Amino acid sequence: MGVNTQFSGDKKTVTIKIDGRFDFSNQKEFREAYRNNSMSGQIFHVELARTEYMDSSALGMLLLLKEHADNCNGTVILKQPSESIKKILDMANFNRQFEIT
């Protein structure tokens, strides 16, 4: 369980998969998944299909990723959240700041 990162062939798309819990214990792994990726127009997919739990520190980490992406004219897309994770994202009004598919 944890954070897994994959890159597209042209490195324009970074896919960050969160398995299990998404909380402060993932902070270092999550930050390292995107920190050195600042290509203009880069797309960050955050796969939440296998995320079982998310707390406020995870929401903060997503906001930091969005700030990073905005600084390089990139995009963050939150993908396939479970019903319970989607409720958390909606309560935090993340549907106004992120594309959620």
PDB file of N, CA and C in Angstrom:
ATOM      1  N   MET A   1       0.844  -1.180   0.000  1.00  0.00           N
ATOM      2  CA  MET A   1       0.000   0.000   0.000  1.00  0.00           C
ATOM      3  C   MET A   1       0.890   1.244   0.000  1.00  0.00           C
ATOM      4  N   GLY A   2       0.333   2.358  -0.456  1.00  0.00           N
ATOM      5  CA  GLY A   2       1.088   3.594  -0.453  1.00  0.00           C
ATOM      6  C   GLY A   2       0.907   4.374  -1.729  1.00  0.00           C
ATOM      7  N   VAL A   3       1.998   5.010  -2.146  1.00  0.00           N
ATOM      8  CA  VAL A   3       1.994   5.891  -3.305  1.00  0.00           C
ATOM      9  C   VAL A   3       2.854   5.277  -4.395  1.00  0.00           C
ATOM     10  N   ASN A   4       2.284   5.126  -5.593  1.00  0.00           N
ATOM     11  CA  ASN A   4       3.017   4.616  -6.751  1.00  0.00           C
ATOM     12  C   ASN A   4       2.918   5.646  -7.860  1.00  0.00           C
ATOM     13  N   THR A   5       4.022   5.845  -8.582  1.00  0.00           N
ATOM     14  CA  THR A   5       4.069   6.859  -9.630  1.00  0.00           C
ATOM     15  C   THR A   5       4.442   6.233 -10.953  1.00  0.00           C
ATOM     16  N   GLN A   6       3.752   6.652 -12.010  1.00  0.00           N
ATOM     17  CA  GLN A   6       4.061   6.211 -13.373  1.00  0.00           C
ATOM     18  C   GLN A   6       4.100   7.440 -14.265  1.00  0.00           C
ATOM     19  N   PHE A   7       4.940   7.375 -15.316  1.00  0.00           N
ATOM     20  CA  PHE A   7       5.076   8.469 -16.265  1.00  0.00           C
ATOM     21  C   PHE A   7       4.703   7.989 -17.652  1.00  0.00           C
ATOM     22  N   SER A   8       4.088   8.872 -18.427  1.00  0.00           N
ATOM     23  CA  SER A   8       3.827   8.549 -19.829  1.00  0.00           C
ATOM     24  C   SER A   8       5.158   8.585 -20.577  1.00  0.00           C
ATOM     25  N   GLY A   9       5.176   8.045 -21.783  1.00  0.00           N
ATOM     26  CA  GLY A   9       6.405   7.990 -22.567  1.00  0.00           C
ATOM     27  C   GLY A   9       7.056   9.344 -22.768  1.00  0.00           C
ATOM     28  N   ASP A  10       6.250  10.382 -22.978  1.00  0.00           N
ATOM     29  CA  ASP A  10       6.799  11.724 -23.182  1.00  0.00           C
ATOM     30  C   ASP A  10       6.961  12.497 -21.873  1.00  0.00           C
ATOM     31  N   LYS A  11       6.668  11.858 -20.756  1.00  0.00           N
ATOM     32  CA  LYS A  11       6.778  12.416 -19.402  1.00  0.00           C
ATOM     33  C   LYS A  11       5.847  13.602 -19.158  1.00  0.00           C
ATOM     34  N   LYS A  12       4.903  13.833 -20.057  1.00  0.00           N
ATOM     35  CA  LYS A  12       3.947  14.936 -19.890  1.00  0.00           C
ATOM     36  C   LYS A  12       2.857  14.599 -18.883  1.00  0.00           C
ATOM     37  N   THR A  13       2.575  13.305 -18.722  1.00  0.00           N
ATOM     38  CA  THR A  13       1.534  12.881 -17.791  1.00  0.00           C
ATOM     39  C   THR A  13       2.157  12.065 -16.669  1.00  0.00           C
ATOM     40  N   VAL A  14       1.885  12.493 -15.453  1.00  0.00           N
ATOM     41  CA  VAL A  14       2.349  11.789 -14.257  1.00  0.00           C
ATOM     42  C   VAL A  14       1.111  11.203 -13.589  1.00  0.00           C
ATOM     43  N   THR A  15       1.098   9.891 -13.384  1.00  0.00           N
ATOM     44  CA  THR A  15      -0.012   9.231 -12.699  1.00  0.00           C
ATOM     45  C   THR A  15       0.456   8.838 -11.307  1.00  0.00           C
ATOM     46  N   ILE A  16      -0.236   9.354 -10.310  1.00  0.00           N
ATOM     47  CA  ILE A  16       0.079   9.068  -8.910  1.00  0.00           C
ATOM     48  C   ILE A  16      -1.071   8.234  -8.361  1.00  0.00           C
ATOM     49  N   LYS A  17      -0.775   6.989  -7.996  1.00  0.00           N
ATOM     50  CA  LYS A  17      -1.803   6.083  -7.470  1.00  0.00           C
ATOM     51  C   LYS A  17      -1.668   5.999  -5.955  1.00  0.00           C
ATOM     52  N   ILE A  18      -2.792   6.197  -5.278  1.00  0.00           N
ATOM     53  CA  ILE A  18      -2.831   6.120  -3.820  1.00  0.00           C
ATOM     54  C   ILE A  18      -3.596   4.862  -3.440  1.00  0.00           C
ATOM     55  N   ASP A  19      -2.907   3.926  -2.807  1.00  0.00           N
ATOM     56  CA  ASP A  19      -3.533   2.682  -2.358  1.00  0.00           C
ATOM     57  C   ASP A  19      -3.674   2.706  -0.839  1.00  0.00           C
ATOM     58  N   GLY A  20      -4.858   2.375  -0.350  1.00  0.00           N
ATOM     59  CA  GLY A  20      -5.077   2.294   1.093  1.00  0.00           C
ATOM     60  C   GLY A  20      -5.336   3.659   1.698  1.00  0.00           C
ATOM     61  N   ARG A  21      -4.599   3.965   2.753  1.00  0.00           N
ATOM     62  CA  ARG A  21      -4.780   5.223   3.480  1.00  0.00           C
ATOM     63  C   ARG A  21      -4.016   6.354   2.798  1.00  0.00           C
ATOM     64  N   PHE A  22      -4.650   7.523   2.732  1.00  0.00           N
ATOM     65  CA  PHE A  22      -4.002   8.731   2.236  1.00  0.00           C
ATOM     66  C   PHE A  22      -4.047   9.727   3.385  1.00  0.00           C
ATOM     67  N   ASP A  23      -2.924   9.819   4.099  1.00  0.00           N
ATOM     68  CA  ASP A  23      -2.847  10.690   5.265  1.00  0.00           C
ATOM     69  C   ASP A  23      -1.412  11.181   5.417  1.00  0.00           C
ATOM     70  N   PHE A  24      -1.100  11.782   6.546  1.00  0.00           N
ATOM     71  CA  PHE A  24       0.218  12.392   6.735  1.00  0.00           C
ATOM     72  C   PHE A  24       1.354  11.389   6.566  1.00  0.00           C
ATOM     73  N   SER A  25       1.109  10.127   6.817  1.00  0.00           N
ATOM     74  CA  SER A  25       2.172   9.124   6.678  1.00  0.00           C
ATOM     75  C   SER A  25       2.637   8.982   5.229  1.00  0.00           C
ATOM     76  N   ASN A  26       1.835   9.442   4.258  1.00  0.00           N
ATOM     77  CA  ASN A  26       2.195   9.390   2.835  1.00  0.00           C
ATOM     78  C   ASN A  26       2.825  10.686   2.344  1.00  0.00           C
ATOM     79  N   GLN A  27       2.973  11.658   3.204  1.00  0.00           N
ATOM     80  CA  GLN A  27       3.373  13.001   2.798  1.00  0.00           C
ATOM     81  C   GLN A  27       4.678  13.016   2.003  1.00  0.00           C
ATOM     82  N   LYS A  28       5.703  12.375   2.483  1.00  0.00           N
ATOM     83  CA  LYS A  28       7.004  12.401   1.801  1.00  0.00           C
ATOM     84  C   LYS A  28       6.921  11.718   0.435  1.00  0.00           C
ATOM     85  N   GLU A  29       6.331  10.536   0.393  1.00  0.00           N
ATOM     86  CA  GLU A  29       6.183   9.804  -0.872  1.00  0.00           C
ATOM     87  C   GLU A  29       5.373  10.598  -1.885  1.00  0.00           C
ATOM     88  N   PHE A  30       4.292  11.205  -1.425  1.00  0.00           N
ATOM     89  CA  PHE A  30       3.423  11.956  -2.328  1.00  0.00           C
ATOM     90  C   PHE A  30       4.160  13.166  -2.894  1.00  0.00           C
ATOM     91  N   ARG A  31       4.842  13.894  -2.042  1.00  0.00           N
ATOM     92  CA  ARG A  31       5.581  15.079  -2.496  1.00  0.00           C
ATOM     93  C   ARG A  31       6.668  14.698  -3.493  1.00  0.00           C
ATOM     94  N   GLU A  32       7.384  13.613  -3.218  1.00  0.00           N
ATOM     95  CA  GLU A  32       8.442  13.171  -4.126  1.00  0.00           C
ATOM     96  C   GLU A  32       7.892  12.715  -5.473  1.00  0.00           C
ATOM     97  N   ALA A  33       6.633  12.317  -5.515  1.00  0.00           N
ATOM     98  CA  ALA A  33       6.022  11.860  -6.764  1.00  0.00           C
ATOM     99  C   ALA A  33       5.895  12.985  -7.784  1.00  0.00           C
ATOM    100  N   TYR A  34       5.810  14.220  -7.321  1.00  0.00           N
ATOM    101  CA  TYR A  34       5.637  15.333  -8.265  1.00  0.00           C
ATOM    102  C   TYR A  34       6.691  16.428  -8.163  1.00  0.00           C
ATOM    103  N   ARG A  35       7.424  16.473  -7.087  1.00  0.00           N
ATOM    104  CA  ARG A  35       8.322  17.595  -6.807  1.00  0.00           C
ATOM    105  C   ARG A  35       9.294  17.912  -7.938  1.00  0.00           C
ATOM    106  N   ASN A  36       9.885  16.922  -8.551  1.00  0.00           N
ATOM    107  CA  ASN A  36      10.880  17.147  -9.596  1.00  0.00           C
ATOM    108  C   ASN A  36      10.280  17.121 -10.995  1.00  0.00           C
ATOM    109  N   ASN A  37       8.983  17.256 -11.095  1.00  0.00           N
ATOM    110  CA  ASN A  37       8.288  17.240 -12.383  1.00  0.00           C
ATOM    111  C   ASN A  37       7.610  18.583 -12.587  1.00  0.00           C
ATOM    112  N   SER A  38       8.275  19.440 -13.340  1.00  0.00           N
ATOM    113  CA  SER A  38       7.778  20.800 -13.539  1.00  0.00           C
ATOM    114  C   SER A  38       7.711  21.177 -15.010  1.00  0.00           C
ATOM    115  N   MET A  39       7.484  20.204 -15.867  1.00  0.00           N
ATOM    116  CA  MET A  39       7.379  20.466 -17.296  1.00  0.00           C
ATOM    117  C   MET A  39       6.138  21.322 -17.560  1.00  0.00           C
ATOM    118  N   SER A  40       6.289  22.329 -18.395  1.00  0.00           N
ATOM    119  CA  SER A  40       5.158  23.191 -18.721  1.00  0.00           C
ATOM    120  C   SER A  40       4.020  22.369 -19.319  1.00  0.00           C
ATOM    121  N   GLY A  41       2.822  22.596 -18.813  1.00  0.00           N
ATOM    122  CA  GLY A  41       1.648  21.894 -19.311  1.00  0.00           C
ATOM    123  C   GLY A  41       1.501  20.468 -18.824  1.00  0.00           C
ATOM    124  N   GLN A  42       2.286  20.092 -17.832  1.00  0.00           N
ATOM    125  CA  GLN A  42       2.238  18.720 -17.328  1.00  0.00           C
ATOM    126  C   GLN A  42       0.871  18.406 -16.713  1.00  0.00           C
ATOM    127  N   ILE A  43       0.440  17.171 -16.896  1.00  0.00           N
ATOM    128  CA  ILE A  43      -0.840  16.709 -16.363  1.00  0.00           C
ATOM    129  C   ILE A  43      -0.562  15.707 -15.248  1.00  0.00           C
ATOM    130  N   PHE A  44      -1.170  15.934 -14.102  1.00  0.00           N
ATOM    131  CA  PHE A  44      -1.030  15.042 -12.957  1.00  0.00           C
ATOM    132  C   PHE A  44      -2.362  14.337 -12.739  1.00  0.00           C
ATOM    133  N   HIS A  45      -2.376  13.032 -12.923  1.00  0.00           N
ATOM    134  CA  HIS A  45      -3.554  12.218 -12.613  1.00  0.00           C
ATOM    135  C   HIS A  45      -3.340  11.638 -11.222  1.00  0.00           C
ATOM    136  N   VAL A  46      -4.270  11.855 -10.335  1.00  0.00           N
ATOM    137  CA  VAL A  46      -4.211  11.248  -9.007  1.00  0.00           C
ATOM    138  C   VAL A  46      -5.299  10.183  -8.973  1.00  0.00           C
ATOM    139  N   GLU A  47      -4.875   8.927  -9.021  1.00  0.00           N
ATOM    140  CA  GLU A  47      -5.792   7.781  -9.051  1.00  0.00           C
ATOM    141  C   GLU A  47      -6.220   7.454  -7.621  1.00  0.00           C
ATOM    142  N   LEU A  48      -7.518   7.578  -7.353  1.00  0.00           N
ATOM    143  CA  LEU A  48      -8.047   7.358  -6.006  1.00  0.00           C
ATOM    144  C   LEU A  48      -8.947   6.132  -5.909  1.00  0.00           C
ATOM    145  N   ALA A  49      -8.971   5.310  -6.936  1.00  0.00           N
ATOM    146  CA  ALA A  49      -9.868   4.149  -6.965  1.00  0.00           C
ATOM    147  C   ALA A  49      -9.603   3.186  -5.808  1.00  0.00           C
ATOM    148  N   ARG A  50      -8.348   3.072  -5.387  1.00  0.00           N
ATOM    149  CA  ARG A  50      -8.009   2.123  -4.319  1.00  0.00           C
ATOM    150  C   ARG A  50      -7.702   2.825  -2.999  1.00  0.00           C
ATOM    151  N   THR A  51      -8.094   4.096  -2.914  1.00  0.00           N
ATOM    152  CA  THR A  51      -7.905   4.853  -1.679  1.00  0.00           C
ATOM    153  C   THR A  51      -9.069   4.550  -0.746  1.00  0.00           C
ATOM    154  N   GLU A  52      -8.752   4.074   0.445  1.00  0.00           N
ATOM    155  CA  GLU A  52      -9.782   3.668   1.402  1.00  0.00           C
ATOM    156  C   GLU A  52     -10.092   4.742   2.439  1.00  0.00           C
ATOM    157  N   TYR A  53      -9.132   5.632   2.681  1.00  0.00           N
ATOM    158  CA  TYR A  53      -9.272   6.621   3.747  1.00  0.00           C
ATOM    159  C   TYR A  53      -8.513   7.872   3.338  1.00  0.00           C
ATOM    160  N   MET A  54      -9.079   9.030   3.637  1.00  0.00           N
ATOM    161  CA  MET A  54      -8.431  10.302   3.342  1.00  0.00           C
ATOM    162  C   MET A  54      -8.734  11.260   4.481  1.00  0.00           C
ATOM    163  N   ASP A  55      -7.702  11.944   4.979  1.00  0.00           N
ATOM    164  CA  ASP A  55      -7.931  12.914   6.048  1.00  0.00           C
ATOM    165  C   ASP A  55      -7.571  14.321   5.574  1.00  0.00           C
ATOM    166  N   SER A  56      -7.618  15.280   6.489  1.00  0.00           N
ATOM    167  CA  SER A  56      -7.385  16.677   6.113  1.00  0.00           C
ATOM    168  C   SER A  56      -5.963  16.920   5.628  1.00  0.00           C
ATOM    169  N   SER A  57      -4.991  16.167   6.111  1.00  0.00           N
ATOM    170  CA  SER A  57      -3.624  16.351   5.614  1.00  0.00           C
ATOM    171  C   SER A  57      -3.529  15.923   4.153  1.00  0.00           C
ATOM    172  N   ALA A  58      -4.292  14.918   3.757  1.00  0.00           N
ATOM    173  CA  ALA A  58      -4.323  14.502   2.349  1.00  0.00           C
ATOM    174  C   ALA A  58      -4.926  15.602   1.487  1.00  0.00           C
ATOM    175  N   LEU A  59      -5.967  16.255   1.981  1.00  0.00           N
ATOM    176  CA  LEU A  59      -6.553  17.371   1.245  1.00  0.00           C
ATOM    177  C   LEU A  59      -5.522  18.480   1.067  1.00  0.00           C
ATOM    178  N   GLY A  60      -4.759  18.744   2.111  1.00  0.00           N
ATOM    179  CA  GLY A  60      -3.694  19.744   2.023  1.00  0.00           C
ATOM    180  C   GLY A  60      -2.633  19.364   1.009  1.00  0.00           C
ATOM    181  N   MET A  61      -2.280  18.087   0.959  1.00  0.00           N
ATOM    182  CA  MET A  61      -1.285  17.626  -0.015  1.00  0.00           C
ATOM    183  C   MET A  61      -1.796  17.800  -1.437  1.00  0.00           C
ATOM    184  N   LEU A  62      -3.082  17.553  -1.656  1.00  0.00           N
ATOM    185  CA  LEU A  62      -3.662  17.756  -2.984  1.00  0.00           C
ATOM    186  C   LEU A  62      -3.621  19.232  -3.369  1.00  0.00           C
ATOM    187  N   LEU A  63      -3.861  20.120  -2.408  1.00  0.00           N
ATOM    188  CA  LEU A  63      -3.784  21.555  -2.692  1.00  0.00           C
ATOM    189  C   LEU A  63      -2.359  21.974  -3.031  1.00  0.00           C
ATOM    190  N   LEU A  64      -1.372  21.395  -2.359  1.00  0.00           N
ATOM    191  CA  LEU A  64       0.026  21.694  -2.684  1.00  0.00           C
ATOM    192  C   LEU A  64       0.383  21.194  -4.074  1.00  0.00           C
ATOM    193  N   LEU A  65      -0.133  20.033  -4.448  1.00  0.00           N
ATOM    194  CA  LEU A  65       0.082  19.530  -5.809  1.00  0.00           C
ATOM    195  C   LEU A  65      -0.550  20.483  -6.815  1.00  0.00           C
ATOM    196  N   LYS A  66      -1.745  20.966  -6.531  1.00  0.00           N
ATOM    197  CA  LYS A  66      -2.412  21.903  -7.441  1.00  0.00           C
ATOM    198  C   LYS A  66      -1.600  23.184  -7.585  1.00  0.00           C
ATOM    199  N   GLU A  67      -1.066  23.682  -6.489  1.00  0.00           N
ATOM    200  CA  GLU A  67      -0.218  24.882  -6.538  1.00  0.00           C
ATOM    201  C   GLU A  67       1.006  24.629  -7.419  1.00  0.00           C
ATOM    202  N   HIS A  68       1.633  23.477  -7.245  1.00  0.00           N
ATOM    203  CA  HIS A  68       2.792  23.095  -8.061  1.00  0.00           C
ATOM    204  C   HIS A  68       2.405  23.043  -9.537  1.00  0.00           C
ATOM    205  N   ALA A  69       1.292  22.401  -9.846  1.00  0.00           N
ATOM    206  CA  ALA A  69       0.835  22.285 -11.233  1.00  0.00           C
ATOM    207  C   ALA A  69       0.506  23.661 -11.814  1.00  0.00           C
ATOM    208  N   ASP A  70      -0.153  24.504 -11.040  1.00  0.00           N
ATOM    209  CA  ASP A  70      -0.488  25.850 -11.510  1.00  0.00           C
ATOM    210  C   ASP A  70       0.772  26.640 -11.851  1.00  0.00           C
ATOM    211  N   ASN A  71       1.830  26.453 -11.062  1.00  0.00           N
ATOM    212  CA  ASN A  71       3.087  27.168 -11.300  1.00  0.00           C
ATOM    213  C   ASN A  71       3.761  26.762 -12.602  1.00  0.00           C
ATOM    214  N   CYS A  72       3.451  25.578 -13.121  1.00  0.00           N
ATOM    215  CA  CYS A  72       4.035  25.146 -14.400  1.00  0.00           C
ATOM    216  C   CYS A  72       2.954  25.001 -15.473  1.00  0.00           C
ATOM    217  N   ASN A  73       1.852  25.747 -15.300  1.00  0.00           N
ATOM    218  CA  ASN A  73       0.734  25.716 -16.259  1.00  0.00           C
ATOM    219  C   ASN A  73       0.225  24.299 -16.498  1.00  0.00           C
ATOM    220  N   GLY A  74       0.240  23.514 -15.441  1.00  0.00           N
ATOM    221  CA  GLY A  74      -0.216  22.132 -15.529  1.00  0.00           C
ATOM    222  C   GLY A  74      -1.636  21.967 -15.019  1.00  0.00           C
ATOM    223  N   THR A  75      -2.052  20.717 -14.958  1.00  0.00           N
ATOM    224  CA  THR A  75      -3.413  20.362 -14.565  1.00  0.00           C
ATOM    225  C   THR A  75      -3.368  19.184 -13.602  1.00  0.00           C
ATOM    226  N   VAL A  76      -4.280  19.181 -12.642  1.00  0.00           N
ATOM    227  CA  VAL A  76      -4.450  18.041 -11.740  1.00  0.00           C
ATOM    228  C   VAL A  76      -5.847  17.478 -11.965  1.00  0.00           C
ATOM    229  N   ILE A  77      -5.921  16.174 -12.176  1.00  0.00           N
ATOM    230  CA  ILE A  77      -7.202  15.488 -12.341  1.00  0.00           C
ATOM    231  C   ILE A  77      -7.285  14.394 -11.284  1.00  0.00           C
ATOM    232  N   LEU A  78      -8.329  14.437 -10.475  1.00  0.00           N
ATOM    233  CA  LEU A  78      -8.563  13.406  -9.462  1.00  0.00           C
ATOM    234  C   LEU A  78      -9.444  12.351 -10.106  1.00  0.00           C
ATOM    235  N   LYS A  79      -8.947  11.119 -10.150  1.00  0.00           N
ATOM    236  CA  LYS A  79      -9.618  10.076 -10.928  1.00  0.00           C
ATOM    237  C   LYS A  79     -10.193   8.969 -10.051  1.00  0.00           C
ATOM    238  N   GLN A  80     -11.405   8.575 -10.373  1.00  0.00           N
ATOM    239  CA  GLN A  80     -12.099   7.407  -9.836  1.00  0.00           C
ATOM    240  C   GLN A  80     -12.155   7.315  -8.311  1.00  0.00           C
ATOM    241  N   PRO A  81     -12.517   8.412  -7.626  1.00  0.00           N
ATOM    242  CA  PRO A  81     -12.643   8.274  -6.176  1.00  0.00           C
ATOM    243  C   PRO A  81     -13.827   7.375  -5.829  1.00  0.00           C
ATOM    244  N   SER A  82     -13.679   6.607  -4.763  1.00  0.00           N
ATOM    245  CA  SER A  82     -14.806   5.805  -4.272  1.00  0.00           C
ATOM    246  C   SER A  82     -15.890   6.758  -3.778  1.00  0.00           C
ATOM    247  N   GLU A  83     -17.048   6.225  -3.495  1.00  0.00           N
ATOM    248  CA  GLU A  83     -18.168   7.047  -3.029  1.00  0.00           C
ATOM    249  C   GLU A  83     -17.807   7.799  -1.750  1.00  0.00           C
ATOM    250  N   SER A  84     -17.143   7.119  -0.807  1.00  0.00           N
ATOM    251  CA  SER A  84     -16.801   7.775   0.462  1.00  0.00           C
ATOM    252  C   SER A  84     -15.737   8.857   0.267  1.00  0.00           C
ATOM    253  N   ILE A  85     -14.774   8.617  -0.595  1.00  0.00           N
ATOM    254  CA  ILE A  85     -13.741   9.621  -0.871  1.00  0.00           C
ATOM    255  C   ILE A  85     -14.357  10.794  -1.630  1.00  0.00           C
ATOM    256  N   LYS A  86     -15.264  10.515  -2.543  1.00  0.00           N
ATOM    257  CA  LYS A  86     -15.944  11.578  -3.303  1.00  0.00           C
ATOM    258  C   LYS A  86     -16.724  12.487  -2.355  1.00  0.00           C
ATOM    259  N   LYS A  87     -17.344  11.923  -1.326  1.00  0.00           N
ATOM    260  CA  LYS A  87     -18.079  12.726  -0.344  1.00  0.00           C
ATOM    261  C   LYS A  87     -17.139  13.685   0.381  1.00  0.00           C
ATOM    262  N   ILE A  88     -15.956  13.195   0.749  1.00  0.00           N
ATOM    263  CA  ILE A  88     -14.964  14.039   1.422  1.00  0.00           C
ATOM    264  C   ILE A  88     -14.537  15.176   0.500  1.00  0.00           C
ATOM    265  N   LEU A  89     -14.255  14.849  -0.755  1.00  0.00           N
ATOM    266  CA  LEU A  89     -13.839  15.866  -1.724  1.00  0.00           C
ATOM    267  C   LEU A  89     -14.942  16.901  -1.935  1.00  0.00           C
ATOM    268  N   ASP A  90     -16.184  16.449  -1.999  1.00  0.00           N
ATOM    269  CA  ASP A  90     -17.312  17.366  -2.186  1.00  0.00           C
ATOM    270  C   ASP A  90     -17.508  18.270  -0.969  1.00  0.00           C
ATOM    271  N   MET A  91     -17.389  17.702   0.240  1.00  0.00           N
ATOM    272  CA  MET A  91     -17.537  18.507   1.455  1.00  0.00           C
ATOM    273  C   MET A  91     -16.475  19.600   1.529  1.00  0.00           C
ATOM    274  N   ALA A  92     -15.294  19.314   0.985  1.00  0.00           N
ATOM    275  CA  ALA A  92     -14.201  20.288   0.980  1.00  0.00           C
ATOM    276  C   ALA A  92     -14.268  21.214  -0.240  1.00  0.00           C
ATOM    277  N   ASN A  93     -15.321  21.077  -1.035  1.00  0.00           N
ATOM    278  CA  ASN A  93     -15.511  21.874  -2.253  1.00  0.00           C
ATOM    279  C   ASN A  93     -14.375  21.706  -3.260  1.00  0.00           C
ATOM    280  N   PHE A  94     -13.762  20.541  -3.269  1.00  0.00           N
ATOM    281  CA  PHE A  94     -12.680  20.290  -4.218  1.00  0.00           C
ATOM    282  C   PHE A  94     -13.204  20.186  -5.646  1.00  0.00           C
ATOM    283  N   ASN A  95     -14.490  19.938  -5.798  1.00  0.00           N
ATOM    284  CA  ASN A  95     -15.068  19.893  -7.145  1.00  0.00           C
ATOM    285  C   ASN A  95     -15.009  21.263  -7.818  1.00  0.00           C
ATOM    286  N   ARG A  96     -14.778  22.315  -7.064  1.00  0.00           N
ATOM    287  CA  ARG A  96     -14.630  23.664  -7.627  1.00  0.00           C
ATOM    288  C   ARG A  96     -13.188  23.958  -8.027  1.00  0.00           C
ATOM    289  N   GLN A  97     -12.245  23.225  -7.461  1.00  0.00           N
ATOM    290  CA  GLN A  97     -10.831  23.496  -7.709  1.00  0.00           C
ATOM    291  C   GLN A  97     -10.154  22.452  -8.587  1.00  0.00           C
ATOM    292  N   PHE A  98     -10.741  21.266  -8.645  1.00  0.00           N
ATOM    293  CA  PHE A  98     -10.140  20.154  -9.373  1.00  0.00           C
ATOM    294  C   PHE A  98     -11.151  19.565 -10.345  1.00  0.00           C
ATOM    295  N   GLU A  99     -10.631  18.981 -11.391  1.00  0.00           N
ATOM    296  CA  GLU A  99     -11.466  18.133 -12.239  1.00  0.00           C
ATOM    297  C   GLU A  99     -11.506  16.766 -11.568  1.00  0.00           C
ATOM    298  N   ILE A 100     -12.703  16.248 -11.339  1.00  0.00           N
ATOM    299  CA  ILE A 100     -12.862  14.937 -10.711  1.00  0.00           C
ATOM    300  C   ILE A 100     -13.620  14.058 -11.691  1.00  0.00           C
ATOM    301  N   THR A 101     -12.980  12.960 -12.100  1.00  0.00           N
ATOM    302  CA  THR A 101     -13.608  12.073 -13.093  1.00  0.00           C
ATOM    303  C   THR A 101     -13.800  10.676 -12.537  1.00  0.00           C
TER     304      THR A 101
END
